[in-house]
Amino acid sequence: MLKGALSFLATALLTLSLTGSVVAEEVKGTITKVGNGGREITVKTKGDKEVTVKISGSRTTIDGVKSRSALKEGQSVTVDHDKGEAKKVMVTK
């Protein structure tokens, strides 16, 4: 009984530790720079923090525009990213 409970606890802790590494950071702001045909953008937040993220054609979901090449300076965006790679870019008008 105790061995089964310890095994369950160990599995739960391992699952939680792996889940924590997948959590993306969210940034809201305005695009201040678009580089390399939309493959990289810099977003300035309300707190004047600038975050640069890479945009993948296959791993990044883009909402609000047709493609990454339609990303332009001045657009308001919300970006979910992990270690500088955008997972999702949402353009708001």
C-alpha atoms as a PDB file:
ATOM      1  CA  MET A   1       0.000   0.000   0.000  1.00  0.00           C
ATOM      2  CA  LEU A   2       2.739   2.468   0.970  1.00  0.00           C
ATOM      3  CA  LYS A   3       4.817   1.464  -2.057  1.00  0.00           C
ATOM      4  CA  GLY A   4       1.860   2.179  -4.390  1.00  0.00           C
ATOM      5  CA  ALA A   5       1.243   5.576  -2.785  1.00  0.00           C
ATOM      6  CA  LEU A   6       4.917   6.530  -3.131  1.00  0.00           C
ATOM      7  CA  SER A   7       4.915   5.452  -6.767  1.00  0.00           C
ATOM      8  CA  PHE A   8       1.818   7.564  -7.434  1.00  0.00           C
ATOM      9  CA  LEU A   9       3.366  10.569  -5.668  1.00  0.00           C
ATOM     10  CA  ALA A  10       6.606  10.244  -7.641  1.00  0.00           C
ATOM     11  CA  THR A  11       4.663  10.079 -10.922  1.00  0.00           C
ATOM     12  CA  ALA A  12       2.591  13.128  -9.987  1.00  0.00           C
ATOM     13  CA  LEU A  13       5.700  15.165  -9.085  1.00  0.00           C
ATOM     14  CA  LEU A  14       7.423  14.195 -12.326  1.00  0.00           C
ATOM     15  CA  THR A  15       4.363  15.202 -14.337  1.00  0.00           C
ATOM     16  CA  LEU A  16       4.164  18.581 -12.581  1.00  0.00           C
ATOM     17  CA  SER A  17       7.848  19.281 -13.132  1.00  0.00           C
ATOM     18  CA  LEU A  18       7.548  18.544 -16.859  1.00  0.00           C
ATOM     19  CA  THR A  19       4.407  20.638 -17.196  1.00  0.00           C
ATOM     20  CA  GLY A  20       6.152  23.683 -15.719  1.00  0.00           C
ATOM     21  CA  SER A  21       8.731  23.753 -18.500  1.00  0.00           C
ATOM     22  CA  VAL A  22       6.074  24.067 -21.216  1.00  0.00           C
ATOM     23  CA  VAL A  23       4.379  27.195 -19.837  1.00  0.00           C
ATOM     24  CA  ALA A  24       4.691  30.120 -22.251  1.00  0.00           C
ATOM     25  CA  GLU A  25       5.005  33.767 -21.276  1.00  0.00           C
ATOM     26  CA  GLU A  26       2.414  36.248 -22.572  1.00  0.00           C
ATOM     27  CA  VAL A  27       3.410  39.696 -23.828  1.00  0.00           C
ATOM     28  CA  LYS A  28       0.926  42.406 -24.868  1.00  0.00           C
ATOM     29  CA  GLY A  29       2.008  45.515 -26.713  1.00  0.00           C
ATOM     30  CA  THR A  30       2.798  47.135 -30.039  1.00  0.00           C
ATOM     31  CA  ILE A  31       5.116  45.851 -32.750  1.00  0.00           C
ATOM     32  CA  THR A  32       8.057  48.266 -33.016  1.00  0.00           C
ATOM     33  CA  LYS A  33      10.194  46.282 -35.443  1.00  0.00           C
ATOM     34  CA  VAL A  34       9.624  43.535 -38.008  1.00  0.00           C
ATOM     35  CA  GLY A  35      12.673  41.687 -39.267  1.00  0.00           C
ATOM     36  CA  ASN A  36      13.483  39.128 -41.913  1.00  0.00           C
ATOM     37  CA  GLY A  37      10.106  39.118 -43.675  1.00  0.00           C
ATOM     38  CA  GLY A  38       8.113  38.661 -40.468  1.00  0.00           C
ATOM     39  CA  ARG A  39      10.318  35.899 -39.074  1.00  0.00           C
ATOM     40  CA  GLU A  40      11.170  38.107 -36.079  1.00  0.00           C
ATOM     41  CA  ILE A  41       9.267  40.877 -34.313  1.00  0.00           C
ATOM     42  CA  THR A  42      10.012  43.221 -31.440  1.00  0.00           C
ATOM     43  CA  VAL A  43       7.083  44.091 -29.168  1.00  0.00           C
ATOM     44  CA  LYS A  44       7.084  47.084 -26.812  1.00  0.00           C
ATOM     45  CA  THR A  45       4.879  46.641 -23.745  1.00  0.00           C
ATOM     46  CA  LYS A  46       3.060  49.362 -21.807  1.00  0.00           C
ATOM     47  CA  GLY A  47       5.894  49.260 -19.265  1.00  0.00           C
ATOM     48  CA  ASP A  48       8.358  50.170 -22.055  1.00  0.00           C
ATOM     49  CA  LYS A  49       9.882  46.687 -22.000  1.00  0.00           C
ATOM     50  CA  GLU A  50      10.915  45.395 -25.428  1.00  0.00           C
ATOM     51  CA  VAL A  51      10.726  41.697 -26.229  1.00  0.00           C
ATOM     52  CA  THR A  52      12.020  40.193 -29.475  1.00  0.00           C
ATOM     53  CA  VAL A  53      10.581  36.847 -30.583  1.00  0.00           C
ATOM     54  CA  LYS A  54      11.125  34.571 -33.552  1.00  0.00           C
ATOM     55  CA  ILE A  55       8.129  33.553 -35.652  1.00  0.00           C
ATOM     56  CA  SER A  56       8.101  30.077 -37.202  1.00  0.00           C
ATOM     57  CA  GLY A  57       6.057  29.298 -40.279  1.00  0.00           C
ATOM     58  CA  SER A  58       5.137  25.885 -38.876  1.00  0.00           C
ATOM     59  CA  ARG A  59       5.314  26.153 -35.066  1.00  0.00           C
ATOM     60  CA  THR A  60       3.685  29.578 -34.592  1.00  0.00           C
ATOM     61  CA  THR A  61      -0.073  30.138 -34.800  1.00  0.00           C
ATOM     62  CA  ILE A  62      -1.013  33.571 -36.144  1.00  0.00           C
ATOM     63  CA  ASP A  63      -4.485  35.102 -35.652  1.00  0.00           C
ATOM     64  CA  GLY A  64      -5.754  38.393 -37.057  1.00  0.00           C
ATOM     65  CA  VAL A  65      -3.606  38.470 -40.214  1.00  0.00           C
ATOM     66  CA  LYS A  66      -3.106  35.961 -43.020  1.00  0.00           C
ATOM     67  CA  SER A  67       0.580  35.222 -42.416  1.00  0.00           C
ATOM     68  CA  ARG A  68       3.732  36.404 -40.671  1.00  0.00           C
ATOM     69  CA  SER A  69       4.591  38.540 -43.726  1.00  0.00           C
ATOM     70  CA  ALA A  70       1.490  40.655 -42.904  1.00  0.00           C
ATOM     71  CA  LEU A  71       2.907  41.657 -39.493  1.00  0.00           C
ATOM     72  CA  LYS A  72       3.635  45.411 -39.487  1.00  0.00           C
ATOM     73  CA  GLU A  73       5.059  48.027 -37.141  1.00  0.00           C
ATOM     74  CA  GLY A  74       2.358  49.706 -35.065  1.00  0.00           C
ATOM     75  CA  GLN A  75       0.043  46.681 -34.827  1.00  0.00           C
ATOM     76  CA  SER A  76      -1.232  45.771 -31.365  1.00  0.00           C
ATOM     77  CA  VAL A  77      -0.438  42.154 -30.522  1.00  0.00           C
ATOM     78  CA  THR A  78      -0.554  39.548 -27.810  1.00  0.00           C
ATOM     79  CA  VAL A  79       2.290  37.050 -28.091  1.00  0.00           C
ATOM     80  CA  ASP A  80       2.625  33.757 -26.237  1.00  0.00           C
ATOM     81  CA  HIS A  81       6.276  32.741 -26.347  1.00  0.00           C
ATOM     82  CA  ASP A  82       8.718  30.357 -24.766  1.00  0.00           C
ATOM     83  CA  LYS A  83      12.411  31.300 -24.623  1.00  0.00           C
ATOM     84  CA  GLY A  84      12.092  33.805 -27.459  1.00  0.00           C
ATOM     85  CA  GLU A  85      10.123  31.594 -29.846  1.00  0.00           C
ATOM     86  CA  ALA A  86       6.534  32.666 -30.461  1.00  0.00           C
ATOM     87  CA  LYS A  87       3.937  29.946 -30.004  1.00  0.00           C
ATOM     88  CA  LYS A  88       0.961  32.202 -30.822  1.00  0.00           C
ATOM     89  CA  VAL A  89       0.641  35.749 -32.168  1.00  0.00           C
ATOM     90  CA  MET A  90      -2.756  37.456 -31.947  1.00  0.00           C
ATOM     91  CA  VAL A  91      -3.086  40.738 -33.840  1.00  0.00           C
ATOM     92  CA  THR A  92      -5.798  43.107 -32.583  1.00  0.00           C
ATOM     93  CA  LYS A  93      -6.970  45.967 -34.744  1.00  0.00           C
END
